[in-house]
Amino acid sequence: SVRRLRALAAGVRGAHVTEAHLEAPFEQVWALLD
């Protein structure tokens, strides 16, 4: 999903992708974002 977001954002002029590694399991992180 992160690579897909980078690819789509690359096609949008002015877009910037901010990335980070979080020390939390995917399920916990995605529950907040979802």
PDB file of all heavy atoms in Angstrom:
ATOM      1  N   SER A   1       0.809  -1.225   0.000  1.00  0.00           N
ATOM      2  CA  SER A   1       0.000   0.000   0.000  1.00  0.00           C
ATOM      3  C   SER A   1       0.840   1.272   0.000  1.00  0.00           C
ATOM      4  O   SER A   1       0.493   2.250  -0.667  1.00  0.00           O
ATOM      5  CB  SER A   1      -0.932   0.005   1.220  1.00  0.00           C
ATOM      6  OG  SER A   1      -1.839  -1.058   1.129  1.00  0.00           O
ATOM      7  N   VAL A   2       1.945   1.268   0.718  1.00  0.00           N
ATOM      8  CA  VAL A   2       2.793   2.469   0.782  1.00  0.00           C
ATOM      9  C   VAL A   2       3.444   2.731  -0.566  1.00  0.00           C
ATOM     10  O   VAL A   2       3.471   3.864  -1.048  1.00  0.00           O
ATOM     11  CB  VAL A   2       3.835   2.346   1.916  1.00  0.00           C
ATOM     12  CG1 VAL A   2       4.843   3.480   1.863  1.00  0.00           C
ATOM     13  CG2 VAL A   2       3.131   2.305   3.270  1.00  0.00           C
ATOM     14  N   ARG A   3       3.935   1.696  -1.212  1.00  0.00           N
ATOM     15  CA  ARG A   3       4.530   1.878  -2.544  1.00  0.00           C
ATOM     16  C   ARG A   3       3.475   2.330  -3.561  1.00  0.00           C
ATOM     17  O   ARG A   3       3.751   3.138  -4.431  1.00  0.00           O
ATOM     18  CB  ARG A   3       5.200   0.589  -2.991  1.00  0.00           C
ATOM     19  CG  ARG A   3       6.480   0.323  -2.238  1.00  0.00           C
ATOM     20  CD  ARG A   3       7.210  -0.885  -2.813  1.00  0.00           C
ATOM     21  NE  ARG A   3       8.471  -1.047  -2.143  1.00  0.00           N
ATOM     22  CZ  ARG A   3       8.764  -2.051  -1.322  1.00  0.00           C
ATOM     23  NH1 ARG A   3       7.869  -2.993  -1.091  1.00  0.00           N
ATOM     24  NH2 ARG A   3       9.940  -2.121  -0.740  1.00  0.00           N
ATOM     25  N   ARG A   4       2.267   1.805  -3.452  1.00  0.00           N
ATOM     26  CA  ARG A   4       1.184   2.219  -4.341  1.00  0.00           C
ATOM     27  C   ARG A   4       0.879   3.707  -4.145  1.00  0.00           C
ATOM     28  O   ARG A   4       0.676   4.453  -5.098  1.00  0.00           O
ATOM     29  CB  ARG A   4      -0.067   1.386  -4.087  1.00  0.00           C
ATOM     30  CG  ARG A   4      -1.197   1.696  -5.042  1.00  0.00           C
ATOM     31  CD  ARG A   4      -2.460   0.886  -4.806  1.00  0.00           C
ATOM     32  NE  ARG A   4      -2.213  -0.537  -4.761  1.00  0.00           N
ATOM     33  CZ  ARG A   4      -2.400  -1.299  -3.678  1.00  0.00           C
ATOM     34  NH1 ARG A   4      -2.853  -0.768  -2.564  1.00  0.00           N
ATOM     35  NH2 ARG A   4      -2.166  -2.577  -3.716  1.00  0.00           N
ATOM     36  N   LEU A   5       0.867   4.164  -2.880  1.00  0.00           N
ATOM     37  CA  LEU A   5       0.615   5.573  -2.601  1.00  0.00           C
ATOM     38  C   LEU A   5       1.720   6.440  -3.209  1.00  0.00           C
ATOM     39  O   LEU A   5       1.439   7.471  -3.819  1.00  0.00           O
ATOM     40  CB  LEU A   5       0.517   5.822  -1.099  1.00  0.00           C
ATOM     41  CG  LEU A   5       0.142   7.258  -0.759  1.00  0.00           C
ATOM     42  CD1 LEU A   5      -1.352   7.347  -0.489  1.00  0.00           C
ATOM     43  CD2 LEU A   5       0.906   7.764   0.422  1.00  0.00           C
ATOM     44  N   ARG A   6       2.978   6.010  -3.057  1.00  0.00           N
ATOM     45  CA  ARG A   6       4.088   6.752  -3.667  1.00  0.00           C
ATOM     46  C   ARG A   6       3.901   6.862  -5.178  1.00  0.00           C
ATOM     47  O   ARG A   6       4.129   7.915  -5.763  1.00  0.00           O
ATOM     48  CB  ARG A   6       5.419   6.050  -3.394  1.00  0.00           C
ATOM     49  CG  ARG A   6       6.039   6.439  -2.089  1.00  0.00           C
ATOM     50  CD  ARG A   6       7.464   5.881  -2.040  1.00  0.00           C
ATOM     51  NE  ARG A   6       7.599   5.089  -0.847  1.00  0.00           N
ATOM     52  CZ  ARG A   6       8.182   3.914  -0.764  1.00  0.00           C
ATOM     53  NH1 ARG A   6       8.729   3.358  -1.808  1.00  0.00           N
ATOM     54  NH2 ARG A   6       8.248   3.283   0.381  1.00  0.00           N
ATOM     55  N   ALA A   7       3.515   5.756  -5.818  1.00  0.00           N
ATOM     56  CA  ALA A   7       3.349   5.742  -7.275  1.00  0.00           C
ATOM     57  C   ALA A   7       2.231   6.692  -7.712  1.00  0.00           C
ATOM     58  O   ALA A   7       2.395   7.454  -8.670  1.00  0.00           O
ATOM     59  CB  ALA A   7       3.067   4.326  -7.760  1.00  0.00           C
ATOM     60  N   LEU A   8       1.088   6.655  -7.023  1.00  0.00           N
ATOM     61  CA  LEU A   8      -0.011   7.552  -7.387  1.00  0.00           C
ATOM     62  C   LEU A   8       0.345   9.014  -7.135  1.00  0.00           C
ATOM     63  O   LEU A   8       0.058   9.883  -7.955  1.00  0.00           O
ATOM     64  CB  LEU A   8      -1.275   7.189  -6.615  1.00  0.00           C
ATOM     65  CG  LEU A   8      -2.091   6.053  -7.196  1.00  0.00           C
ATOM     66  CD1 LEU A   8      -3.263   5.717  -6.289  1.00  0.00           C
ATOM     67  CD2 LEU A   8      -2.594   6.391  -8.567  1.00  0.00           C
ATOM     68  N   ALA A   9       0.977   9.292  -6.002  1.00  0.00           N
ATOM     69  CA  ALA A   9       1.348  10.669  -5.678  1.00  0.00           C
ATOM     70  C   ALA A   9       2.380  11.216  -6.666  1.00  0.00           C
ATOM     71  O   ALA A   9       2.391  12.415  -6.942  1.00  0.00           O
ATOM     72  CB  ALA A   9       1.882  10.749  -4.256  1.00  0.00           C
ATOM     73  N   ALA A  10       3.215  10.346  -7.221  1.00  0.00           N
ATOM     74  CA  ALA A  10       4.212  10.791  -8.196  1.00  0.00           C
ATOM     75  C   ALA A  10       3.559  11.371  -9.440  1.00  0.00           C
ATOM     76  O   ALA A  10       4.157  12.187 -10.139  1.00  0.00           O
ATOM     77  CB  ALA A  10       5.129   9.631  -8.578  1.00  0.00           C
ATOM     78  N   GLY A  11       2.329  10.991  -9.703  1.00  0.00           N
ATOM     79  CA  GLY A  11       1.612  11.507 -10.860  1.00  0.00           C
ATOM     80  C   GLY A  11       0.818  12.774 -10.580  1.00  0.00           C
ATOM     81  O   GLY A  11       0.145  13.288 -11.461  1.00  0.00           O
ATOM     82  N   VAL A  12       0.884  13.275  -9.349  1.00  0.00           N
ATOM     83  CA  VAL A  12       0.143  14.484  -8.982  1.00  0.00           C
ATOM     84  C   VAL A  12       1.151  15.595  -8.685  1.00  0.00           C
ATOM     85  O   VAL A  12       1.885  15.519  -7.702  1.00  0.00           O
ATOM     86  CB  VAL A  12      -0.755  14.239  -7.744  1.00  0.00           C
ATOM     87  CG1 VAL A  12      -1.490  15.509  -7.356  1.00  0.00           C
ATOM     88  CG2 VAL A  12      -1.728  13.101  -7.992  1.00  0.00           C
ATOM     89  N   ARG A  13       1.198  16.590  -9.548  1.00  0.00           N
ATOM     90  CA  ARG A  13       2.144  17.684  -9.347  1.00  0.00           C
ATOM     91  C   ARG A  13       1.850  18.411  -8.039  1.00  0.00           C
ATOM     92  O   ARG A  13       0.701  18.698  -7.717  1.00  0.00           O
ATOM     93  CB  ARG A  13       2.070  18.653 -10.516  1.00  0.00           C
ATOM     94  CG  ARG A  13       3.308  19.527 -10.606  1.00  0.00           C
ATOM     95  CD  ARG A  13       3.327  20.291 -11.853  1.00  0.00           C
ATOM     96  NE  ARG A  13       2.141  21.150 -11.860  1.00  0.00           N
ATOM     97  CZ  ARG A  13       1.876  22.003 -12.792  1.00  0.00           C
ATOM     98  NH1 ARG A  13       2.643  22.120 -13.822  1.00  0.00           N
ATOM     99  NH2 ARG A  13       0.795  22.750 -12.729  1.00  0.00           N
ATOM    100  N   GLY A  14       2.893  18.680  -7.273  1.00  0.00           N
ATOM    101  CA  GLY A  14       2.751  19.365  -5.993  1.00  0.00           C
ATOM    102  C   GLY A  14       2.534  18.430  -4.824  1.00  0.00           C
ATOM    103  O   GLY A  14       2.560  18.864  -3.672  1.00  0.00           O
ATOM    104  N   ALA A  15       2.330  17.142  -5.092  1.00  0.00           N
ATOM    105  CA  ALA A  15       2.103  16.189  -4.003  1.00  0.00           C
ATOM    106  C   ALA A  15       3.418  15.856  -3.318  1.00  0.00           C
ATOM    107  O   ALA A  15       4.471  15.816  -3.949  1.00  0.00           O
ATOM    108  CB  ALA A  15       1.463  14.915  -4.529  1.00  0.00           C
ATOM    109  N   HIS A  16       3.350  15.638  -2.046  1.00  0.00           N
ATOM    110  CA  HIS A  16       4.492  15.193  -1.257  1.00  0.00           C
ATOM    111  C   HIS A  16       4.026  14.041  -0.384  1.00  0.00           C
ATOM    112  O   HIS A  16       2.943  14.119   0.216  1.00  0.00           O
ATOM    113  CB  HIS A  16       5.027  16.322  -0.375  1.00  0.00           C
ATOM    114  CG  HIS A  16       6.071  15.865   0.580  1.00  0.00           C
ATOM    115  ND1 HIS A  16       7.351  15.582   0.187  1.00  0.00           N
ATOM    116  CD2 HIS A  16       6.004  15.597   1.896  1.00  0.00           C
ATOM    117  CE1 HIS A  16       8.046  15.176   1.239  1.00  0.00           C
ATOM    118  NE2 HIS A  16       7.246  15.175   2.296  1.00  0.00           N
ATOM    119  N   VAL A  17       4.815  12.991  -0.316  1.00  0.00           N
ATOM    120  CA  VAL A  17       4.490  11.845   0.527  1.00  0.00           C
ATOM    121  C   VAL A  17       5.344  11.910   1.776  1.00  0.00           C
ATOM    122  O   VAL A  17       6.569  11.996   1.697  1.00  0.00           O
ATOM    123  CB  VAL A  17       4.720  10.512  -0.218  1.00  0.00           C
ATOM    124  CG1 VAL A  17       4.451   9.334   0.706  1.00  0.00           C
ATOM    125  CG2 VAL A  17       3.844  10.435  -1.454  1.00  0.00           C
ATOM    126  N   THR A  18       4.698  11.888   2.916  1.00  0.00           N
ATOM    127  CA  THR A  18       5.394  11.830   4.205  1.00  0.00           C
ATOM    128  C   THR A  18       5.293  10.406   4.703  1.00  0.00           C
ATOM    129  O   THR A  18       4.192   9.855   4.793  1.00  0.00           O
ATOM    130  CB  THR A  18       4.746  12.782   5.224  1.00  0.00           C
ATOM    131  OG1 THR A  18       4.810  14.109   4.713  1.00  0.00           O
ATOM    132  CG2 THR A  18       5.460  12.713   6.564  1.00  0.00           C
ATOM    133  N   GLU A  19       6.442   9.804   5.013  1.00  0.00           N
ATOM    134  CA  GLU A  19       6.472   8.421   5.485  1.00  0.00           C
ATOM    135  C   GLU A  19       7.141   8.337   6.851  1.00  0.00           C
ATOM    136  O   GLU A  19       7.980   9.163   7.181  1.00  0.00           O
ATOM    137  CB  GLU A  19       7.279   7.545   4.525  1.00  0.00           C
ATOM    138  CG  GLU A  19       6.613   7.256   3.237  1.00  0.00           C
ATOM    139  CD  GLU A  19       7.411   6.269   2.400  1.00  0.00           C
ATOM    140  OE1 GLU A  19       7.877   5.244   2.953  1.00  0.00           O
ATOM    141  OE2 GLU A  19       7.562   6.538   1.206  1.00  0.00           O
ATOM    142  N   ALA A  20       6.768   7.303   7.577  1.00  0.00           N
ATOM    143  CA  ALA A  20       7.396   7.038   8.870  1.00  0.00           C
ATOM    144  C   ALA A  20       7.239   5.566   9.214  1.00  0.00           C
ATOM    145  O   ALA A  20       6.293   4.915   8.774  1.00  0.00           O
ATOM    146  CB  ALA A  20       6.756   7.893   9.960  1.00  0.00           C
ATOM    147  N   HIS A  21       8.175   5.073   9.990  1.00  0.00           N
ATOM    148  CA  HIS A  21       8.077   3.722  10.543  1.00  0.00           C
ATOM    149  C   HIS A  21       7.617   3.871  11.986  1.00  0.00           C
ATOM    150  O   HIS A  21       8.215   4.616  12.762  1.00  0.00           O
ATOM    151  CB  HIS A  21       9.424   2.998  10.493  1.00  0.00           C
ATOM    152  CG  HIS A  21       9.370   1.669  11.161  1.00  0.00           C
ATOM    153  ND1 HIS A  21       8.927   0.535  10.521  1.00  0.00           N
ATOM    154  CD2 HIS A  21       9.653   1.296  12.429  1.00  0.00           C
ATOM    155  CE1 HIS A  21       8.967  -0.485  11.358  1.00  0.00           C
ATOM    156  NE2 HIS A  21       9.405  -0.043  12.531  1.00  0.00           N
ATOM    157  N   LEU A  22       6.557   3.169  12.335  1.00  0.00           N
ATOM    158  CA  LEU A  22       6.023   3.212  13.700  1.00  0.00           C
ATOM    159  C   LEU A  22       6.237   1.868  14.371  1.00  0.00           C
ATOM    160  O   LEU A  22       6.038   0.824  13.748  1.00  0.00           O
ATOM    161  CB  LEU A  22       4.533   3.548  13.669  1.00  0.00           C
ATOM    162  CG  LEU A  22       4.152   4.844  12.972  1.00  0.00           C
ATOM    163  CD1 LEU A  22       2.641   5.004  12.939  1.00  0.00           C
ATOM    164  CD2 LEU A  22       4.792   6.037  13.643  1.00  0.00           C
ATOM    165  N   GLU A  23       6.612   1.902  15.607  1.00  0.00           N
ATOM    166  CA  GLU A  23       6.832   0.672  16.373  1.00  0.00           C
ATOM    167  C   GLU A  23       5.515   0.187  16.965  1.00  0.00           C
ATOM    168  O   GLU A  23       5.349   0.125  18.181  1.00  0.00           O
ATOM    169  CB  GLU A  23       7.869   0.921  17.487  1.00  0.00           C
ATOM    170  CG  GLU A  23       9.254   1.242  16.987  1.00  0.00           C
ATOM    171  CD  GLU A  23       9.904   0.074  16.245  1.00  0.00           C
ATOM    172  OE1 GLU A  23       9.576  -1.102  16.551  1.00  0.00           O
ATOM    173  OE2 GLU A  23      10.722   0.341  15.352  1.00  0.00           O
ATOM    174  N   ALA A  24       4.603  -0.113  16.096  1.00  0.00           N
ATOM    175  CA  ALA A  24       3.293  -0.630  16.504  1.00  0.00           C
ATOM    176  C   ALA A  24       2.836  -1.585  15.415  1.00  0.00           C
ATOM    177  O   ALA A  24       3.153  -1.390  14.240  1.00  0.00           O
ATOM    178  CB  ALA A  24       2.295   0.506  16.684  1.00  0.00           C
ATOM    179  N   PRO A  25       2.084  -2.621  15.787  1.00  0.00           N
ATOM    180  CA  PRO A  25       1.621  -3.578  14.781  1.00  0.00           C
ATOM    181  C   PRO A  25       0.646  -2.936  13.792  1.00  0.00           C
ATOM    182  O   PRO A  25      -0.104  -2.014  14.132  1.00  0.00           O
ATOM    183  CB  PRO A  25       0.941  -4.675  15.594  1.00  0.00           C
ATOM    184  CG  PRO A  25       0.680  -4.099  16.936  1.00  0.00           C
ATOM    185  CD  PRO A  25       1.652  -2.977  17.143  1.00  0.00           C
ATOM    186  N   PHE A  26       0.655  -3.453  12.573  1.00  0.00           N
ATOM    187  CA  PHE A  26      -0.197  -2.947  11.503  1.00  0.00           C
ATOM    188  C   PHE A  26      -1.658  -2.865  11.949  1.00  0.00           C
ATOM    189  O   PHE A  26      -2.332  -1.863  11.696  1.00  0.00           O
ATOM    190  CB  PHE A  26      -0.067  -3.846  10.262  1.00  0.00           C
ATOM    191  CG  PHE A  26      -1.087  -3.546   9.207  1.00  0.00           C
ATOM    192  CD1 PHE A  26      -0.890  -2.491   8.326  1.00  0.00           C
ATOM    193  CD2 PHE A  26      -2.235  -4.305   9.092  1.00  0.00           C
ATOM    194  CE1 PHE A  26      -1.841  -2.201   7.356  1.00  0.00           C
ATOM    195  CE2 PHE A  26      -3.188  -4.014   8.124  1.00  0.00           C
ATOM    196  CZ  PHE A  26      -2.987  -2.968   7.249  1.00  0.00           C
ATOM    197  N   GLU A  27      -2.166  -3.896  12.585  1.00  0.00           N
ATOM    198  CA  GLU A  27      -3.581  -3.935  12.983  1.00  0.00           C
ATOM    199  C   GLU A  27      -3.928  -2.758  13.897  1.00  0.00           C
ATOM    200  O   GLU A  27      -5.005  -2.169  13.765  1.00  0.00           O
ATOM    201  CB  GLU A  27      -3.911  -5.260  13.689  1.00  0.00           C
ATOM    202  CG  GLU A  27      -3.810  -6.474  12.800  1.00  0.00           C
ATOM    203  CD  GLU A  27      -2.362  -6.937  12.535  1.00  0.00           C
ATOM    204  OE1 GLU A  27      -1.450  -6.541  13.289  1.00  0.00           O
ATOM    205  OE2 GLU A  27      -2.166  -7.671  11.554  1.00  0.00           O
ATOM    206  N   GLN A  28      -3.054  -2.409  14.800  1.00  0.00           N
ATOM    207  CA  GLN A  28      -3.301  -1.301  15.721  1.00  0.00           C
ATOM    208  C   GLN A  28      -3.260   0.042  14.983  1.00  0.00           C
ATOM    209  O   GLN A  28      -4.122   0.906  15.186  1.00  0.00           O
ATOM    210  CB  GLN A  28      -2.260  -1.317  16.837  1.00  0.00           C
ATOM    211  CG  GLN A  28      -2.472  -0.279  17.904  1.00  0.00           C
ATOM    212  CD  GLN A  28      -1.405  -0.335  18.986  1.00  0.00           C
ATOM    213  OE1 GLN A  28      -0.465  -1.125  18.923  1.00  0.00           O
ATOM    214  NE2 GLN A  28      -1.536   0.516  19.985  1.00  0.00           N
ATOM    215  N   VAL A  29      -2.274   0.207  14.122  1.00  0.00           N
ATOM    216  CA  VAL A  29      -2.141   1.448  13.351  1.00  0.00           C
ATOM    217  C   VAL A  29      -3.330   1.612  12.409  1.00  0.00           C
ATOM    218  O   VAL A  29      -3.967   2.669  12.367  1.00  0.00           O
ATOM    219  CB  VAL A  29      -0.813   1.456  12.558  1.00  0.00           C
ATOM    220  CG1 VAL A  29      -0.758   2.641  11.604  1.00  0.00           C
ATOM    221  CG2 VAL A  29       0.381   1.456  13.500  1.00  0.00           C
ATOM    222  N   TRP A  30      -3.648   0.547  11.674  1.00  0.00           N
ATOM    223  CA  TRP A  30      -4.725   0.677  10.690  1.00  0.00           C
ATOM    224  C   TRP A  30      -6.086   0.865  11.353  1.00  0.00           C
ATOM    225  O   TRP A  30      -6.966   1.532  10.807  1.00  0.00           O
ATOM    226  CB  TRP A  30      -4.747  -0.491   9.705  1.00  0.00           C
ATOM    227  CG  TRP A  30      -5.682  -0.163   8.595  1.00  0.00           C
ATOM    228  CD1 TRP A  30      -6.871  -0.758   8.321  1.00  0.00           C
ATOM    229  CD2 TRP A  30      -5.555   0.903   7.656  1.00  0.00           C
ATOM    230  NE1 TRP A  30      -7.489  -0.128   7.260  1.00  0.00           N
ATOM    231  CE2 TRP A  30      -6.693   0.896   6.831  1.00  0.00           C
ATOM    232  CE3 TRP A  30      -4.579   1.868   7.433  1.00  0.00           C
ATOM    233  CZ2 TRP A  30      -6.885   1.812   5.805  1.00  0.00           C
ATOM    234  CZ3 TRP A  30      -4.770   2.780   6.404  1.00  0.00           C
ATOM    235  CH2 TRP A  30      -5.915   2.742   5.613  1.00  0.00           C
ATOM    236  N   ALA A  31      -6.279   0.315  12.530  1.00  0.00           N
ATOM    237  CA  ALA A  31      -7.557   0.516  13.232  1.00  0.00           C
ATOM    238  C   ALA A  31      -7.807   2.008  13.461  1.00  0.00           C
ATOM    239  O   ALA A  31      -8.946   2.476  13.332  1.00  0.00           O
ATOM    240  CB  ALA A  31      -7.549  -0.236  14.556  1.00  0.00           C
ATOM    241  N   LEU A  32      -6.775   2.772  13.761  1.00  0.00           N
ATOM    242  CA  LEU A  32      -6.932   4.216  13.956  1.00  0.00           C
ATOM    243  C   LEU A  32      -7.195   4.944  12.634  1.00  0.00           C
ATOM    244  O   LEU A  32      -8.035   5.826  12.550  1.00  0.00           O
ATOM    245  CB  LEU A  32      -5.687   4.799  14.618  1.00  0.00           C
ATOM    246  CG  LEU A  32      -5.448   4.387  16.067  1.00  0.00           C
ATOM    247  CD1 LEU A  32      -4.082   4.846  16.535  1.00  0.00           C
ATOM    248  CD2 LEU A  32      -6.539   4.936  16.974  1.00  0.00           C
ATOM    249  N   LEU A  33      -6.461   4.566  11.591  1.00  0.00           N
ATOM    250  CA  LEU A  33      -6.601   5.240  10.300  1.00  0.00           C
ATOM    251  C   LEU A  33      -7.885   4.840   9.568  1.00  0.00           C
ATOM    252  O   LEU A  33      -8.427   5.623   8.801  1.00  0.00           O
ATOM    253  CB  LEU A  33      -5.382   4.942   9.418  1.00  0.00           C
ATOM    254  CG  LEU A  33      -4.066   5.514   9.925  1.00  0.00           C
ATOM    255  CD1 LEU A  33      -2.913   5.030   9.065  1.00  0.00           C
ATOM    256  CD2 LEU A  33      -4.115   7.033   9.970  1.00  0.00           C
ATOM    257  N   ASP A  34      -8.361   3.646   9.820  1.00  0.00           N
ATOM    258  CA  ASP A  34      -9.551   3.138   9.139  1.00  0.00           C
ATOM    259  C   ASP A  34     -10.846   3.680   9.731  1.00  0.00           C
ATOM    260  O   ASP A  34     -11.890   3.620   9.105  1.00  0.00           O
ATOM    261  CB  ASP A  34      -9.544   1.606   9.193  1.00  0.00           C
ATOM    262  CG  ASP A  34     -10.592   0.995   8.287  1.00  0.00           C
ATOM    263  OD1 ASP A  34     -10.773   1.492   7.161  1.00  0.00           O
ATOM    264  OD2 ASP A  34     -11.227   0.011   8.712  1.00  0.00           O
TER     265      ASP A  34
END
